[in-house]
Amino acid sequence: MSQPSSYNPAAVEAPKQKQKISVYTVMLFISFCAIVLACILLWIELEMWGETWQWWKTTEAIPQGGAFNLNEFLHRTSDFV
């Protein structure tokens, strides 16, 4: 009898083909592009408004009389009651 050879054709792996791009990869790429575009457009919009775009600084806001003043409304309508 002969000795078993170390060459085994079943053990040799065939070169694997590259997988096709799945629909989830395409959706991930589209989502990434949309987020990047939204960030760029937001930055452009904020740059257009100059230095006043810092809307979180509310200490500088001075309340003015609005379109509806409850005290004035009650004073006007108190004649009818």
C-alpha atoms as a PDB file:
ATOM      1  CA  MET A   1       0.000   0.000   0.000  1.00  0.00           C
ATOM      2  CA  SER A   2       1.054   3.495  -0.657  1.00  0.00           C
ATOM      3  CA  GLN A   3       1.049   6.262   1.849  1.00  0.00           C
ATOM      4  CA  PRO A   4      -1.742   8.791   1.645  1.00  0.00           C
ATOM      5  CA  SER A   5      -0.661  11.946  -0.122  1.00  0.00           C
ATOM      6  CA  SER A   6      -0.871  15.337   1.531  1.00  0.00           C
ATOM      7  CA  TYR A   7      -2.556  16.811  -1.532  1.00  0.00           C
ATOM      8  CA  ASN A   8      -6.319  16.925  -1.090  1.00  0.00           C
ATOM      9  CA  PRO A   9      -8.203  18.609  -3.931  1.00  0.00           C
ATOM     10  CA  ALA A  10     -11.296  19.094  -1.762  1.00  0.00           C
ATOM     11  CA  ALA A  11      -9.323  21.121   0.787  1.00  0.00           C
ATOM     12  CA  VAL A  12      -8.148  23.670  -1.771  1.00  0.00           C
ATOM     13  CA  GLU A  13     -10.477  26.654  -1.678  1.00  0.00           C
ATOM     14  CA  ALA A  14     -11.630  28.155  -4.911  1.00  0.00           C
ATOM     15  CA  PRO A  15     -11.269  31.924  -5.232  1.00  0.00           C
ATOM     16  CA  LYS A  16     -14.401  33.555  -3.868  1.00  0.00           C
ATOM     17  CA  GLN A  17     -16.301  36.002  -5.972  1.00  0.00           C
ATOM     18  CA  LYS A  18     -17.010  39.439  -4.597  1.00  0.00           C
ATOM     19  CA  GLN A  19     -20.525  39.714  -3.225  1.00  0.00           C
ATOM     20  CA  LYS A  20     -22.992  41.952  -4.987  1.00  0.00           C
ATOM     21  CA  ILE A  21     -24.026  45.164  -3.290  1.00  0.00           C
ATOM     22  CA  SER A  22     -27.206  44.559  -1.335  1.00  0.00           C
ATOM     23  CA  VAL A  23     -30.166  46.908  -1.177  1.00  0.00           C
ATOM     24  CA  TYR A  24     -29.282  47.714   2.457  1.00  0.00           C
ATOM     25  CA  THR A  25     -25.825  48.918   1.453  1.00  0.00           C
ATOM     26  CA  VAL A  26     -27.392  51.199  -1.146  1.00  0.00           C
ATOM     27  CA  MET A  27     -29.880  52.538   1.424  1.00  0.00           C
ATOM     28  CA  LEU A  28     -27.002  53.159   3.858  1.00  0.00           C
ATOM     29  CA  PHE A  29     -25.088  55.086   1.203  1.00  0.00           C
ATOM     30  CA  ILE A  30     -28.159  57.160   0.263  1.00  0.00           C
ATOM     31  CA  SER A  31     -28.827  57.946   3.940  1.00  0.00           C
ATOM     32  CA  PHE A  32     -25.231  59.020   4.453  1.00  0.00           C
ATOM     33  CA  CYS A  33     -25.374  61.300   1.417  1.00  0.00           C
ATOM     34  CA  ALA A  34     -28.665  62.822   2.609  1.00  0.00           C
ATOM     35  CA  ILE A  35     -27.270  63.558   6.081  1.00  0.00           C
ATOM     36  CA  VAL A  36     -24.109  65.128   4.654  1.00  0.00           C
ATOM     37  CA  LEU A  37     -26.174  67.243   2.248  1.00  0.00           C
ATOM     38  CA  ALA A  38     -28.484  68.344   5.075  1.00  0.00           C
ATOM     39  CA  CYS A  39     -25.511  69.381   7.219  1.00  0.00           C
ATOM     40  CA  ILE A  40     -23.990  71.374   4.366  1.00  0.00           C
ATOM     41  CA  LEU A  41     -27.280  73.120   3.594  1.00  0.00           C
ATOM     42  CA  LEU A  42     -27.815  73.915   7.277  1.00  0.00           C
ATOM     43  CA  TRP A  43     -24.330  75.406   7.504  1.00  0.00           C
ATOM     44  CA  ILE A  44     -24.982  77.540   4.404  1.00  0.00           C
ATOM     45  CA  GLU A  45     -28.305  78.700   5.852  1.00  0.00           C
ATOM     46  CA  LEU A  46     -26.691  79.652   9.154  1.00  0.00           C
ATOM     47  CA  GLU A  47     -23.908  81.524   7.368  1.00  0.00           C
ATOM     48  CA  MET A  48     -26.474  83.564   5.410  1.00  0.00           C
ATOM     49  CA  TRP A  49     -27.983  84.976   8.598  1.00  0.00           C
ATOM     50  CA  GLY A  50     -24.677  86.300   9.907  1.00  0.00           C
ATOM     51  CA  GLU A  51     -24.044  86.697  13.616  1.00  0.00           C
ATOM     52  CA  THR A  52     -27.676  86.561  14.689  1.00  0.00           C
ATOM     53  CA  TRP A  53     -28.051  82.849  14.088  1.00  0.00           C
ATOM     54  CA  GLN A  54     -27.300  82.013  17.742  1.00  0.00           C
ATOM     55  CA  TRP A  55     -30.939  81.487  18.615  1.00  0.00           C
ATOM     56  CA  TRP A  56     -30.217  79.861  21.971  1.00  0.00           C
ATOM     57  CA  LYS A  57     -29.132  83.183  23.505  1.00  0.00           C
ATOM     58  CA  THR A  58     -32.542  84.221  24.779  1.00  0.00           C
ATOM     59  CA  THR A  59     -31.281  86.686  27.388  1.00  0.00           C
ATOM     60  CA  GLU A  60     -31.090  89.378  24.723  1.00  0.00           C
ATOM     61  CA  ALA A  61     -34.743  89.015  23.780  1.00  0.00           C
ATOM     62  CA  ILE A  62     -37.020  91.756  25.058  1.00  0.00           C
ATOM     63  CA  PRO A  63     -40.677  90.781  25.278  1.00  0.00           C
ATOM     64  CA  GLN A  64     -42.954  93.162  23.437  1.00  0.00           C
ATOM     65  CA  GLY A  65     -46.688  93.496  23.475  1.00  0.00           C
ATOM     66  CA  GLY A  66     -47.982  90.761  21.253  1.00  0.00           C
ATOM     67  CA  ALA A  67     -51.014  90.615  19.038  1.00  0.00           C
ATOM     68  CA  PHE A  68     -53.110  89.336  21.937  1.00  0.00           C
ATOM     69  CA  ASN A  69     -52.839  90.867  25.399  1.00  0.00           C
ATOM     70  CA  LEU A  70     -55.050  89.091  27.938  1.00  0.00           C
ATOM     71  CA  ASN A  71     -55.100  91.936  30.457  1.00  0.00           C
ATOM     72  CA  GLU A  72     -56.129  94.450  27.804  1.00  0.00           C
ATOM     73  CA  PHE A  73     -58.794  92.069  26.526  1.00  0.00           C
ATOM     74  CA  LEU A  74     -60.236  91.573  30.015  1.00  0.00           C
ATOM     75  CA  HIS A  75     -60.221  95.334  30.619  1.00  0.00           C
ATOM     76  CA  ARG A  76     -62.107  96.008  27.378  1.00  0.00           C
ATOM     77  CA  THR A  77     -64.669  93.303  27.960  1.00  0.00           C
ATOM     78  CA  SER A  78     -65.261  94.083  31.643  1.00  0.00           C
ATOM     79  CA  ASP A  79     -67.834  96.723  30.647  1.00  0.00           C
ATOM     80  CA  PHE A  80     -70.106  94.026  29.243  1.00  0.00           C
ATOM     81  CA  VAL A  81     -70.071  91.839  32.363  1.00  0.00           C
END
